[in-house]
Amino acid sequence: MPLTTVQLLTNFKEMGNITLLLIVAVIVITIAVVIINWYNYRLKKRIIDSGPIDNDAINFLKKLTNTGAEQLKWGCVLFMGGLGLVVTHYLSYDNDSALPYGIEIMFIASGFLIYYFLVTNKHSQ
């Protein structure tokens, strides 16, 4: 059954609200990440400028250093989540079926597993 013009406009308005919410969330998260990284940089600089550094300070500085593992994790999870959405787009299922949710959860979980295996393989080398 084709949608009427009113239904299409209502769907577009609802999508506009969701889009606005997503844009605001991305901006807030980006600002938070920038502020956290800036404060970590300032803290590392103060520790280094304070004088001689002992082993405790070196271990603390290593914890503050970003190794890229966090970005790798979210890259794997989001890539696999997107791949799951593409797969569910091409499957045929009933509207009240739980199949797309299960497939999406399996793809997201496989993203976490891929990240886990990459990180454990990197640490074992």
PDB file of N, CA and C in Angstrom:
ATOM      1  N   MET A   1       0.853  -1.171   0.000  1.00  0.00           N
ATOM      2  CA  MET A   1       0.000   0.000   0.000  1.00  0.00           C
ATOM      3  C   MET A   1       0.901   1.238   0.000  1.00  0.00           C
ATOM      4  N   PRO A   2       0.757   2.137  -0.969  1.00  0.00           N
ATOM      5  CA  PRO A   2       1.607   3.325  -1.030  1.00  0.00           C
ATOM      6  C   PRO A   2       1.256   4.306   0.084  1.00  0.00           C
ATOM      7  N   LEU A   3       2.275   5.037   0.521  1.00  0.00           N
ATOM      8  CA  LEU A   3       2.083   6.026   1.566  1.00  0.00           C
ATOM      9  C   LEU A   3       1.525   7.305   0.972  1.00  0.00           C
ATOM     10  N   THR A   4       0.678   7.979   1.752  1.00  0.00           N
ATOM     11  CA  THR A   4       0.146   9.255   1.296  1.00  0.00           C
ATOM     12  C   THR A   4       1.178  10.342   1.548  1.00  0.00           C
ATOM     13  N   THR A   5       0.934  11.513   0.998  1.00  0.00           N
ATOM     14  CA  THR A   5       1.854  12.636   1.151  1.00  0.00           C
ATOM     15  C   THR A   5       1.958  13.047   2.609  1.00  0.00           C
ATOM     16  N   VAL A   6       0.862  13.016   3.326  1.00  0.00           N
ATOM     17  CA  VAL A   6       0.877  13.394   4.746  1.00  0.00           C
ATOM     18  C   VAL A   6       1.727  12.417   5.546  1.00  0.00           C
ATOM     19  N   GLN A   7       1.615  11.121   5.254  1.00  0.00           N
ATOM     20  CA  GLN A   7       2.421  10.130   5.954  1.00  0.00           C
ATOM     21  C   GLN A   7       3.905  10.302   5.644  1.00  0.00           C
ATOM     22  N   LEU A   8       4.216  10.608   4.385  1.00  0.00           N
ATOM     23  CA  LEU A   8       5.611  10.841   4.027  1.00  0.00           C
ATOM     24  C   LEU A   8       6.176  12.061   4.740  1.00  0.00           C
ATOM     25  N   LEU A   9       5.398  13.146   4.814  1.00  0.00           N
ATOM     26  CA  LEU A   9       5.865  14.361   5.503  1.00  0.00           C
ATOM     27  C   LEU A   9       6.023  14.115   6.995  1.00  0.00           C
ATOM     28  N   THR A  10       5.126  13.330   7.589  1.00  0.00           N
ATOM     29  CA  THR A  10       5.226  13.009   9.009  1.00  0.00           C
ATOM     30  C   THR A  10       6.476  12.178   9.265  1.00  0.00           C
ATOM     31  N   ASN A  11       6.743  11.191   8.412  1.00  0.00           N
ATOM     32  CA  ASN A  11       7.947  10.385   8.564  1.00  0.00           C
ATOM     33  C   ASN A  11       9.199  11.236   8.418  1.00  0.00           C
ATOM     34  N   PHE A  12       9.186  12.192   7.466  1.00  0.00           N
ATOM     35  CA  PHE A  12      10.344  13.051   7.260  1.00  0.00           C
ATOM     36  C   PHE A  12      10.576  13.952   8.471  1.00  0.00           C
ATOM     37  N   LYS A  13       9.502  14.474   9.059  1.00  0.00           N
ATOM     38  CA  LYS A  13       9.656  15.325  10.244  1.00  0.00           C
ATOM     39  C   LYS A  13      10.230  14.523  11.407  1.00  0.00           C
ATOM     40  N   GLU A  14       9.766  13.287  11.583  1.00  0.00           N
ATOM     41  CA  GLU A  14      10.304  12.452  12.652  1.00  0.00           C
ATOM     42  C   GLU A  14      11.769  12.140  12.404  1.00  0.00           C
ATOM     43  N   MET A  15      12.143  11.894  11.165  1.00  0.00           N
ATOM     44  CA  MET A  15      13.541  11.643  10.843  1.00  0.00           C
ATOM     45  C   MET A  15      14.379  12.894  11.065  1.00  0.00           C
ATOM     46  N   GLY A  16      13.807  14.067  10.813  1.00  0.00           N
ATOM     47  CA  GLY A  16      14.525  15.311  11.048  1.00  0.00           C
ATOM     48  C   GLY A  16      14.844  15.490  12.517  1.00  0.00           C
ATOM     49  N   ASN A  17      13.924  15.134  13.399  1.00  0.00           N
ATOM     50  CA  ASN A  17      14.180  15.225  14.832  1.00  0.00           C
ATOM     51  C   ASN A  17      15.268  14.246  15.256  1.00  0.00           C
ATOM     52  N   ILE A  18      15.238  13.064  14.708  1.00  0.00           N
ATOM     53  CA  ILE A  18      16.261  12.065  15.037  1.00  0.00           C
ATOM     54  C   ILE A  18      17.613  12.516  14.506  1.00  0.00           C
ATOM     55  N   THR A  19      17.629  13.068  13.308  1.00  0.00           N
ATOM     56  CA  THR A  19      18.872  13.557  12.721  1.00  0.00           C
ATOM     57  C   THR A  19      19.446  14.684  13.556  1.00  0.00           C
ATOM     58  N   LEU A  20      18.611  15.597  13.983  1.00  0.00           N
ATOM     59  CA  LEU A  20      19.069  16.694  14.827  1.00  0.00           C
ATOM     60  C   LEU A  20      19.641  16.162  16.140  1.00  0.00           C
ATOM     61  N   LEU A  21      18.976  15.191  16.724  1.00  0.00           N
ATOM     62  CA  LEU A  21      19.466  14.582  17.956  1.00  0.00           C
ATOM     63  C   LEU A  21      20.821  13.917  17.741  1.00  0.00           C
ATOM     64  N   LEU A  22      20.975  13.197  16.641  1.00  0.00           N
ATOM     65  CA  LEU A  22      22.250  12.542  16.346  1.00  0.00           C
ATOM     66  C   LEU A  22      23.363  13.565  16.113  1.00  0.00           C
ATOM     67  N   ILE A  23      23.062  14.652  15.429  1.00  0.00           N
ATOM     68  CA  ILE A  23      24.068  15.691  15.189  1.00  0.00           C
ATOM     69  C   ILE A  23      24.513  16.309  16.505  1.00  0.00           C
ATOM     70  N   VAL A  24      23.571  16.623  17.378  1.00  0.00           N
ATOM     71  CA  VAL A  24      23.914  17.193  18.682  1.00  0.00           C
ATOM     72  C   VAL A  24      24.742  16.206  19.498  1.00  0.00           C
ATOM     73  N   ALA A  25      24.379  14.934  19.473  1.00  0.00           N
ATOM     74  CA  ALA A  25      25.130  13.916  20.222  1.00  0.00           C
ATOM     75  C   ALA A  25      26.556  13.794  19.699  1.00  0.00           C
ATOM     76  N   VAL A  26      26.738  13.802  18.388  1.00  0.00           N
ATOM     77  CA  VAL A  26      28.083  13.700  17.811  1.00  0.00           C
ATOM     78  C   VAL A  26      28.919  14.914  18.192  1.00  0.00           C
ATOM     79  N   ILE A  27      28.330  16.089  18.155  1.00  0.00           N
ATOM     80  CA  ILE A  27      29.065  17.308  18.527  1.00  0.00           C
ATOM     81  C   ILE A  27      29.468  17.270  19.996  1.00  0.00           C
ATOM     82  N   VAL A  28      28.571  16.877  20.876  1.00  0.00           N
ATOM     83  CA  VAL A  28      28.876  16.812  22.309  1.00  0.00           C
ATOM     84  C   VAL A  28      29.971  15.776  22.583  1.00  0.00           C
ATOM     85  N   ILE A  29      29.873  14.624  21.970  1.00  0.00           N
ATOM     86  CA  ILE A  29      30.887  13.581  22.170  1.00  0.00           C
ATOM     87  C   ILE A  29      32.240  14.045  21.644  1.00  0.00           C
ATOM     88  N   THR A  30      32.261  14.699  20.498  1.00  0.00           N
ATOM     89  CA  THR A  30      33.513  15.209  19.943  1.00  0.00           C
ATOM     90  C   THR A  30      34.144  16.244  20.866  1.00  0.00           C
ATOM     91  N   ILE A  31      33.351  17.152  21.390  1.00  0.00           N
ATOM     92  CA  ILE A  31      33.874  18.158  22.324  1.00  0.00           C
ATOM     93  C   ILE A  31      34.417  17.487  23.577  1.00  0.00           C
ATOM     94  N   ALA A  32      33.710  16.482  24.088  1.00  0.00           N
ATOM     95  CA  ALA A  32      34.170  15.777  25.287  1.00  0.00           C
ATOM     96  C   ALA A  32      35.498  15.073  25.032  1.00  0.00           C
ATOM     97  N   VAL A  33      35.658  14.429  23.893  1.00  0.00           N
ATOM     98  CA  VAL A  33      36.905  13.732  23.569  1.00  0.00           C
ATOM     99  C   VAL A  33      38.050  14.726  23.447  1.00  0.00           C
ATOM    100  N   VAL A  34      37.805  15.862  22.818  1.00  0.00           N
ATOM    101  CA  VAL A  34      38.851  16.886  22.675  1.00  0.00           C
ATOM    102  C   VAL A  34      39.267  17.415  24.041  1.00  0.00           C
ATOM    103  N   ILE A  35      38.310  17.693  24.912  1.00  0.00           N
ATOM    104  CA  ILE A  35      38.630  18.211  26.245  1.00  0.00           C
ATOM    105  C   ILE A  35      39.410  17.176  27.055  1.00  0.00           C
ATOM    106  N   ILE A  36      39.009  15.931  27.006  1.00  0.00           N
ATOM    107  CA  ILE A  36      39.719  14.877  27.751  1.00  0.00           C
ATOM    108  C   ILE A  36      41.154  14.736  27.257  1.00  0.00           C
ATOM    109  N   ASN A  37      41.334  14.727  25.944  1.00  0.00           N
ATOM    110  CA  ASN A  37      42.690  14.612  25.402  1.00  0.00           C
ATOM    111  C   ASN A  37      43.537  15.831  25.750  1.00  0.00           C
ATOM    112  N   TRP A  38      42.941  17.004  25.745  1.00  0.00           N
ATOM    113  CA  TRP A  38      43.673  18.222  26.089  1.00  0.00           C
ATOM    114  C   TRP A  38      44.126  18.181  27.541  1.00  0.00           C
ATOM    115  N   TYR A  39      43.245  17.775  28.461  1.00  0.00           N
ATOM    116  CA  TYR A  39      43.623  17.688  29.873  1.00  0.00           C
ATOM    117  C   TYR A  39      44.662  16.586  30.112  1.00  0.00           C
ATOM    118  N   ASN A  40      44.570  15.477  29.393  1.00  0.00           N
ATOM    119  CA  ASN A  40      45.604  14.450  29.511  1.00  0.00           C
ATOM    120  C   ASN A  40      46.959  14.984  29.066  1.00  0.00           C
ATOM    121  N   TYR A  41      46.961  15.752  27.978  1.00  0.00           N
ATOM    122  CA  TYR A  41      48.210  16.353  27.502  1.00  0.00           C
ATOM    123  C   TYR A  41      48.784  17.307  28.554  1.00  0.00           C
ATOM    124  N   ARG A  42      47.938  18.151  29.119  1.00  0.00           N
ATOM    125  CA  ARG A  42      48.410  19.105  30.139  1.00  0.00           C
ATOM    126  C   ARG A  42      48.954  18.381  31.359  1.00  0.00           C
ATOM    127  N   LEU A  43      48.285  17.303  31.774  1.00  0.00           N
ATOM    128  CA  LEU A  43      48.745  16.551  32.935  1.00  0.00           C
ATOM    129  C   LEU A  43      50.089  15.896  32.659  1.00  0.00           C
ATOM    130  N   LYS A  44      50.246  15.279  31.483  1.00  0.00           N
ATOM    131  CA  LYS A  44      51.529  14.677  31.134  1.00  0.00           C
ATOM    132  C   LYS A  44      52.635  15.726  31.087  1.00  0.00           C
ATOM    133  N   LYS A  45      52.330  16.887  30.532  1.00  0.00           N
ATOM    134  CA  LYS A  45      53.327  17.959  30.434  1.00  0.00           C
ATOM    135  C   LYS A  45      53.741  18.437  31.819  1.00  0.00           C
ATOM    136  N   ARG A  46      52.802  18.596  32.727  1.00  0.00           N
ATOM    137  CA  ARG A  46      53.140  19.033  34.095  1.00  0.00           C
ATOM    138  C   ARG A  46      53.983  17.990  34.820  1.00  0.00           C
ATOM    139  N   ILE A  47      53.654  16.723  34.644  1.00  0.00           N
ATOM    140  CA  ILE A  47      54.436  15.667  35.304  1.00  0.00           C
ATOM    141  C   ILE A  47      55.866  15.660  34.771  1.00  0.00           C
ATOM    142  N   ILE A  48      56.017  15.785  33.461  1.00  0.00           N
ATOM    143  CA  ILE A  48      57.352  15.773  32.866  1.00  0.00           C
ATOM    144  C   ILE A  48      58.129  17.021  33.273  1.00  0.00           C
ATOM    145  N   ASP A  49      57.476  18.185  33.302  1.00  0.00           N
ATOM    146  CA  ASP A  49      58.149  19.439  33.656  1.00  0.00           C
ATOM    147  C   ASP A  49      58.461  19.550  35.141  1.00  0.00           C
ATOM    148  N   SER A  50      57.858  18.695  35.971  1.00  0.00           N
ATOM    149  CA  SER A  50      58.046  18.817  37.425  1.00  0.00           C
ATOM    150  C   SER A  50      59.425  18.366  37.888  1.00  0.00           C
ATOM    151  N   GLY A  51      60.155  17.691  37.040  1.00  0.00           N
ATOM    152  CA  GLY A  51      61.499  17.273  37.428  1.00  0.00           C
ATOM    153  C   GLY A  51      61.720  15.804  37.179  1.00  0.00           C
ATOM    154  N   PRO A  52      62.626  15.204  37.960  1.00  0.00           N
ATOM    155  CA  PRO A  52      62.943  13.779  37.759  1.00  0.00           C
ATOM    156  C   PRO A  52      61.690  12.910  37.914  1.00  0.00           C
ATOM    157  N   ILE A  53      61.628  11.880  37.080  1.00  0.00           N
ATOM    158  CA  ILE A  53      60.445  11.020  37.051  1.00  0.00           C
ATOM    159  C   ILE A  53      60.827   9.636  37.561  1.00  0.00           C
ATOM    160  N   ASP A  54      60.024   9.112  38.509  1.00  0.00           N
ATOM    161  CA  ASP A  54      60.267   7.764  39.011  1.00  0.00           C
ATOM    162  C   ASP A  54      59.420   6.754  38.240  1.00  0.00           C
ATOM    163  N   ASN A  55      59.503   5.498  38.610  1.00  0.00           N
ATOM    164  CA  ASN A  55      58.786   4.443  37.895  1.00  0.00           C
ATOM    165  C   ASN A  55      57.274   4.587  37.997  1.00  0.00           C
ATOM    166  N   ASP A  56      56.771   5.063  39.138  1.00  0.00           N
ATOM    167  CA  ASP A  56      55.325   5.248  39.288  1.00  0.00           C
ATOM    168  C   ASP A  56      54.811   6.293  38.304  1.00  0.00           C
ATOM    169  N   ALA A  57      55.553   7.383  38.155  1.00  0.00           N
ATOM    170  CA  ALA A  57      55.137   8.425  37.216  1.00  0.00           C
ATOM    171  C   ALA A  57      55.193   7.928  35.781  1.00  0.00           C
ATOM    172  N   ILE A  58      56.196   7.129  35.465  1.00  0.00           N
ATOM    173  CA  ILE A  58      56.300   6.575  34.101  1.00  0.00           C
ATOM    174  C   ILE A  58      55.118   5.641  33.813  1.00  0.00           C
ATOM    175  N   ASN A  59      54.756   4.812  34.783  1.00  0.00           N
ATOM    176  CA  ASN A  59      53.598   3.918  34.596  1.00  0.00           C
ATOM    177  C   ASN A  59      52.311   4.718  34.442  1.00  0.00           C
ATOM    178  N   PHE A  60      52.189   5.809  35.210  1.00  0.00           N
ATOM    179  CA  PHE A  60      51.000   6.658  35.108  1.00  0.00           C
ATOM    180  C   PHE A  60      50.938   7.326  33.741  1.00  0.00           C
ATOM    181  N   LEU A  61      52.087   7.778  33.235  1.00  0.00           N
ATOM    182  CA  LEU A  61      52.120   8.401  31.919  1.00  0.00           C
ATOM    183  C   LEU A  61      51.772   7.401  30.817  1.00  0.00           C
ATOM    184  N   LYS A  62      52.172   6.153  30.988  1.00  0.00           N
ATOM    185  CA  LYS A  62      51.831   5.124  30.001  1.00  0.00           C
ATOM    186  C   LYS A  62      50.324   4.887  29.959  1.00  0.00           C
ATOM    187  N   LYS A  63      49.664   4.987  31.115  1.00  0.00           N
ATOM    188  CA  LYS A  63      48.213   4.813  31.146  1.00  0.00           C
ATOM    189  C   LYS A  63      47.504   5.951  30.419  1.00  0.00           C
ATOM    190  N   LEU A  64      48.078   7.157  30.496  1.00  0.00           N
ATOM    191  CA  LEU A  64      47.456   8.300  29.832  1.00  0.00           C
ATOM    192  C   LEU A  64      47.687   8.310  28.328  1.00  0.00           C
ATOM    193  N   THR A  65      48.720   7.618  27.883  1.00  0.00           N
ATOM    194  CA  THR A  65      49.040   7.613  26.458  1.00  0.00           C
ATOM    195  C   THR A  65      48.018   6.781  25.705  1.00  0.00           C
ATOM    196  N   ASN A  66      47.497   7.358  24.640  1.00  0.00           N
ATOM    197  CA  ASN A  66      46.485   6.686  23.836  1.00  0.00           C
ATOM    198  C   ASN A  66      47.170   5.732  22.865  1.00  0.00           C
ATOM    199  N   THR A  67      46.841   4.449  22.945  1.00  0.00           N
ATOM    200  CA  THR A  67      47.453   3.457  22.071  1.00  0.00           C
ATOM    201  C   THR A  67      46.634   3.198  20.813  1.00  0.00           C
ATOM    202  N   GLY A  68      45.467   3.767  20.701  1.00  0.00           N
ATOM    203  CA  GLY A  68      44.613   3.546  19.540  1.00  0.00           C
ATOM    204  C   GLY A  68      43.686   2.360  19.691  1.00  0.00           C
ATOM    205  N   ALA A  69      43.772   1.644  20.809  1.00  0.00           N
ATOM    206  CA  ALA A  69      42.923   0.464  20.992  1.00  0.00           C
ATOM    207  C   ALA A  69      41.453   0.850  21.104  1.00  0.00           C
ATOM    208  N   GLU A  70      41.184   1.982  21.705  1.00  0.00           N
ATOM    209  CA  GLU A  70      39.785   2.420  21.851  1.00  0.00           C
ATOM    210  C   GLU A  70      39.175   2.725  20.478  1.00  0.00           C
ATOM    211  N   GLN A  71      39.939   3.394  19.630  1.00  0.00           N
ATOM    212  CA  GLN A  71      39.440   3.691  18.289  1.00  0.00           C
ATOM    213  C   GLN A  71      39.277   2.407  17.476  1.00  0.00           C
ATOM    214  N   LEU A  72      40.199   1.481  17.649  1.00  0.00           N
ATOM    215  CA  LEU A  72      40.089   0.199  16.953  1.00  0.00           C
ATOM    216  C   LEU A  72      38.827  -0.542  17.378  1.00  0.00           C
ATOM    217  N   LYS A  73      38.547  -0.519  18.678  1.00  0.00           N
ATOM    218  CA  LYS A  73      37.359  -1.215  19.186  1.00  0.00           C
ATOM    219  C   LYS A  73      36.093  -0.647  18.558  1.00  0.00           C
ATOM    220  N   TRP A  74      35.936   0.656  18.614  1.00  0.00           N
ATOM    221  CA  TRP A  74      34.707   1.246  18.103  1.00  0.00           C
ATOM    222  C   TRP A  74      34.649   1.188  16.584  1.00  0.00           C
ATOM    223  N   GLY A  75      35.798   1.213  15.928  1.00  0.00           N
ATOM    224  CA  GLY A  75      35.806   1.030  14.479  1.00  0.00           C
ATOM    225  C   GLY A  75      35.314  -0.355  14.093  1.00  0.00           C
ATOM    226  N   CYS A  76      35.798  -1.381  14.799  1.00  0.00           N
ATOM    227  CA  CYS A  76      35.348  -2.756  14.523  1.00  0.00           C
ATOM    228  C   CYS A  76      33.861  -2.917  14.808  1.00  0.00           C
ATOM    229  N   VAL A  77      33.417  -2.403  15.940  1.00  0.00           N
ATOM    230  CA  VAL A  77      32.014  -2.562  16.332  1.00  0.00           C
ATOM    231  C   VAL A  77      31.090  -1.825  15.360  1.00  0.00           C
ATOM    232  N   LEU A  78      31.429  -0.587  15.023  1.00  0.00           N
ATOM    233  CA  LEU A  78      30.559   0.172  14.123  1.00  0.00           C
ATOM    234  C   LEU A  78      30.583  -0.389  12.700  1.00  0.00           C
ATOM    235  N   PHE A  79      31.747  -0.852  12.243  1.00  0.00           N
ATOM    236  CA  PHE A  79      31.824  -1.460  10.910  1.00  0.00           C
ATOM    237  C   PHE A  79      30.955  -2.714  10.845  1.00  0.00           C
ATOM    238  N   MET A  80      31.083  -3.563  11.839  1.00  0.00           N
ATOM    239  CA  MET A  80      30.298  -4.796  11.828  1.00  0.00           C
ATOM    240  C   MET A  80      28.811  -4.495  12.035  1.00  0.00           C
ATOM    241  N   GLY A  81      28.494  -3.482  12.833  1.00  0.00           N
ATOM    242  CA  GLY A  81      27.093  -3.089  12.986  1.00  0.00           C
ATOM    243  C   GLY A  81      26.502  -2.603  11.674  1.00  0.00           C
ATOM    244  N   GLY A  82      27.263  -1.794  10.939  1.00  0.00           N
ATOM    245  CA  GLY A  82      26.806  -1.342   9.632  1.00  0.00           C
ATOM    246  C   GLY A  82      26.663  -2.487   8.649  1.00  0.00           C
ATOM    247  N   LEU A  83      27.598  -3.415   8.693  1.00  0.00           N
ATOM    248  CA  LEU A  83      27.513  -4.591   7.828  1.00  0.00           C
ATOM    249  C   LEU A  83      26.272  -5.416   8.163  1.00  0.00           C
ATOM    250  N   GLY A  84      25.949  -5.513   9.449  1.00  0.00           N
ATOM    251  CA  GLY A  84      24.732  -6.219   9.849  1.00  0.00           C
ATOM    252  C   GLY A  84      23.479  -5.538   9.326  1.00  0.00           C
ATOM    253  N   LEU A  85      23.472  -4.204   9.333  1.00  0.00           N
ATOM    254  CA  LEU A  85      22.315  -3.481   8.782  1.00  0.00           C
ATOM    255  C   LEU A  85      22.181  -3.719   7.281  1.00  0.00           C
ATOM    256  N   VAL A  86      23.304  -3.770   6.576  1.00  0.00           N
ATOM    257  CA  VAL A  86      23.258  -4.044   5.134  1.00  0.00           C
ATOM    258  C   VAL A  86      22.705  -5.448   4.885  1.00  0.00           C
ATOM    259  N   VAL A  87      23.143  -6.415   5.679  1.00  0.00           N
ATOM    260  CA  VAL A  87      22.670  -7.790   5.502  1.00  0.00           C
ATOM    261  C   VAL A  87      21.175  -7.874   5.784  1.00  0.00           C
ATOM    262  N   THR A  88      20.709  -7.231   6.853  1.00  0.00           N
ATOM    263  CA  THR A  88      19.276  -7.303   7.165  1.00  0.00           C
ATOM    264  C   THR A  88      18.434  -6.582   6.126  1.00  0.00           C
ATOM    265  N   HIS A  89      19.023  -5.623   5.426  1.00  0.00           N
ATOM    266  CA  HIS A  89      18.281  -4.923   4.376  1.00  0.00           C
ATOM    267  C   HIS A  89      17.929  -5.872   3.230  1.00  0.00           C
ATOM    268  N   TYR A  90      18.801  -6.806   2.933  1.00  0.00           N
ATOM    269  CA  TYR A  90      18.591  -7.707   1.805  1.00  0.00           C
ATOM    270  C   TYR A  90      17.871  -9.000   2.183  1.00  0.00           C
ATOM    271  N   LEU A  91      17.545  -9.205   3.446  1.00  0.00           N
ATOM    272  CA  LEU A  91      16.800 -10.392   3.861  1.00  0.00           C
ATOM    273  C   LEU A  91      15.312 -10.107   3.852  1.00  0.00           C
ATOM    274  N   SER A  92      14.534 -11.135   3.587  1.00  0.00           N
ATOM    275  CA  SER A  92      13.082 -10.982   3.665  1.00  0.00           C
ATOM    276  C   SER A  92      12.608 -11.584   4.991  1.00  0.00           C
ATOM    277  N   TYR A  93      11.806 -10.822   5.706  1.00  0.00           N
ATOM    278  CA  TYR A  93      11.281 -11.257   6.996  1.00  0.00           C
ATOM    279  C   TYR A  93       9.977 -10.518   7.271  1.00  0.00           C
ATOM    280  N   ASP A  94       9.196 -11.049   8.209  1.00  0.00           N
ATOM    281  CA  ASP A  94       7.945 -10.393   8.598  1.00  0.00           C
ATOM    282  C   ASP A  94       8.241  -9.145   9.409  1.00  0.00           C
ATOM    283  N   ASN A  95       7.283  -8.230   9.424  1.00  0.00           N
ATOM    284  CA  ASN A  95       7.471  -6.977  10.174  1.00  0.00           C
ATOM    285  C   ASN A  95       7.594  -7.208  11.671  1.00  0.00           C
ATOM    286  N   ASP A  96       6.935  -8.239  12.190  1.00  0.00           N
ATOM    287  CA  ASP A  96       6.989  -8.496  13.629  1.00  0.00           C
ATOM    288  C   ASP A  96       8.035  -9.551  13.993  1.00  0.00           C
ATOM    289  N   SER A  97       8.939  -9.850  13.073  1.00  0.00           N
ATOM    290  CA  SER A  97       9.968 -10.850  13.302  1.00  0.00           C
ATOM    291  C   SER A  97      11.129 -10.269  14.114  1.00  0.00           C
ATOM    292  N   ALA A  98      11.727 -11.117  14.919  1.00  0.00           N
ATOM    293  CA  ALA A  98      12.896 -10.714  15.707  1.00  0.00           C
ATOM    294  C   ALA A  98      14.201 -11.011  14.969  1.00  0.00           C
ATOM    295  N   LEU A  99      14.098 -11.534  13.766  1.00  0.00           N
ATOM    296  CA  LEU A  99      15.284 -11.915  12.996  1.00  0.00           C
ATOM    297  C   LEU A  99      16.264 -10.761  12.777  1.00  0.00           C
ATOM    298  N   PRO A 100      15.829  -9.562  12.354  1.00  0.00           N
ATOM    299  CA  PRO A 100      16.823  -8.502  12.124  1.00  0.00           C
ATOM    300  C   PRO A 100      17.545  -8.073  13.398  1.00  0.00           C
ATOM    301  N   TYR A 101      16.855  -8.104  14.524  1.00  0.00           N
ATOM    302  CA  TYR A 101      17.511  -7.741  15.790  1.00  0.00           C
ATOM    303  C   TYR A 101      18.577  -8.765  16.162  1.00  0.00           C
ATOM    304  N   GLY A 102      18.247 -10.027  15.981  1.00  0.00           N
ATOM    305  CA  GLY A 102      19.214 -11.081  16.282  1.00  0.00           C
ATOM    306  C   GLY A 102      20.433 -11.011  15.379  1.00  0.00           C
ATOM    307  N   ILE A 103      20.206 -10.767  14.099  1.00  0.00           N
ATOM    308  CA  ILE A 103      21.331 -10.659  13.162  1.00  0.00           C
ATOM    309  C   ILE A 103      22.194  -9.452  13.514  1.00  0.00           C
ATOM    310  N   GLU A 104      21.570  -8.348  13.812  1.00  0.00           N
ATOM    311  CA  GLU A 104      22.337  -7.139  14.162  1.00  0.00           C
ATOM    312  C   GLU A 104      23.150  -7.350  15.436  1.00  0.00           C
ATOM    313  N   ILE A 105      22.563  -7.981  16.430  1.00  0.00           N
ATOM    314  CA  ILE A 105      23.290  -8.254  17.676  1.00  0.00           C
ATOM    315  C   ILE A 105      24.461  -9.196  17.417  1.00  0.00           C
ATOM    316  N   MET A 106      24.255 -10.186  16.551  1.00  0.00           N
ATOM    317  CA  MET A 106      25.350 -11.111  16.226  1.00  0.00           C
ATOM    318  C   MET A 106      26.490 -10.385  15.510  1.00  0.00           C
ATOM    319  N   PHE A 107      26.172  -9.474  14.607  1.00  0.00           N
ATOM    320  CA  PHE A 107      27.225  -8.729  13.906  1.00  0.00           C
ATOM    321  C   PHE A 107      27.971  -7.801  14.864  1.00  0.00           C
ATOM    322  N   ILE A 108      27.255  -7.140  15.761  1.00  0.00           N
ATOM    323  CA  ILE A 108      27.914  -6.254  16.730  1.00  0.00           C
ATOM    324  C   ILE A 108      28.809  -7.067  17.653  1.00  0.00           C
ATOM    325  N   ALA A 109      28.319  -8.224  18.109  1.00  0.00           N
ATOM    326  CA  ALA A 109      29.134  -9.089  18.968  1.00  0.00           C
ATOM    327  C   ALA A 109      30.366  -9.584  18.220  1.00  0.00           C
ATOM    328  N   SER A 110      30.225  -9.872  16.934  1.00  0.00           N
ATOM    329  CA  SER A 110      31.397 -10.298  16.168  1.00  0.00           C
ATOM    330  C   SER A 110      32.403  -9.152  16.033  1.00  0.00           C
ATOM    331  N   GLY A 111      31.936  -7.907  16.014  1.00  0.00           N
ATOM    332  CA  GLY A 111      32.855  -6.771  16.014  1.00  0.00           C
ATOM    333  C   GLY A 111      33.677  -6.715  17.289  1.00  0.00           C
ATOM    334  N   PHE A 112      33.023  -6.965  18.430  1.00  0.00           N
ATOM    335  CA  PHE A 112      33.759  -7.013  19.702  1.00  0.00           C
ATOM    336  C   PHE A 112      34.744  -8.188  19.714  1.00  0.00           C
ATOM    337  N   LEU A 113      34.340  -9.332  19.168  1.00  0.00           N
ATOM    338  CA  LEU A 113      35.236 -10.489  19.124  1.00  0.00           C
ATOM    339  C   LEU A 113      36.449 -10.229  18.228  1.00  0.00           C
ATOM    340  N   ILE A 114      36.227  -9.599  17.095  1.00  0.00           N
ATOM    341  CA  ILE A 114      37.346  -9.262  16.211  1.00  0.00           C
ATOM    342  C   ILE A 114      38.315  -8.340  16.927  1.00  0.00           C
ATOM    343  N   TYR A 115      37.786  -7.334  17.628  1.00  0.00           N
ATOM    344  CA  TYR A 115      38.637  -6.424  18.394  1.00  0.00           C
ATOM    345  C   TYR A 115      39.428  -7.184  19.455  1.00  0.00           C
ATOM    346  N   TYR A 116      38.758  -8.079  20.166  1.00  0.00           N
ATOM    347  CA  TYR A 116      39.420  -8.854  21.221  1.00  0.00           C
ATOM    348  C   TYR A 116      40.570  -9.676  20.652  1.00  0.00           C
ATOM    349  N   PHE A 117      40.320 -10.365  19.529  1.00  0.00           N
ATOM    350  CA  PHE A 117      41.368 -11.187  18.937  1.00  0.00           C
ATOM    351  C   PHE A 117      42.514 -10.345  18.395  1.00  0.00           C
ATOM    352  N   LEU A 118      42.209  -9.182  17.843  1.00  0.00           N
ATOM    353  CA  LEU A 118      43.280  -8.299  17.360  1.00  0.00           C
ATOM    354  C   LEU A 118      44.148  -7.806  18.501  1.00  0.00           C
ATOM    355  N   VAL A 119      43.533  -7.419  19.620  1.00  0.00           N
ATOM    356  CA  VAL A 119      44.287  -6.875  20.741  1.00  0.00           C
ATOM    357  C   VAL A 119      45.088  -7.972  21.434  1.00  0.00           C
ATOM    358  N   THR A 120      44.500  -9.154  21.635  1.00  0.00           N
ATOM    359  CA  THR A 120      45.239 -10.228  22.283  1.00  0.00           C
ATOM    360  C   THR A 120      46.381 -10.724  21.402  1.00  0.00           C
ATOM    361  N   ASN A 121      46.187 -10.737  20.087  1.00  0.00           N
ATOM    362  CA  ASN A 121      47.244 -11.120  19.166  1.00  0.00           C
ATOM    363  C   ASN A 121      48.375 -10.084  19.205  1.00  0.00           C
ATOM    364  N   LYS A 122      48.031  -8.830  19.315  1.00  0.00           N
ATOM    365  CA  LYS A 122      49.042  -7.765  19.365  1.00  0.00           C
ATOM    366  C   LYS A 122      49.847  -7.850  20.655  1.00  0.00           C
ATOM    367  N   HIS A 123      49.191  -8.134  21.786  1.00  0.00           N
ATOM    368  CA  HIS A 123      49.889  -8.221  23.081  1.00  0.00           C
ATOM    369  C   HIS A 123      50.750  -9.463  23.174  1.00  0.00           C
ATOM    370  N   SER A 124      50.359 -10.538  22.479  1.00  0.00           N
ATOM    371  CA  SER A 124      51.149 -11.768  22.564  1.00  0.00           C
ATOM    372  C   SER A 124      52.421 -11.707  21.723  1.00  0.00           C
ATOM    373  N   GLN A 125      52.488 -10.776  20.796  1.00  0.00           N
ATOM    374  CA  GLN A 125      53.688 -10.667  19.947  1.00  0.00           C
ATOM    375  C   GLN A 125      54.789  -9.915  20.597  1.00  0.00           C
TER     376      GLN A 125
END
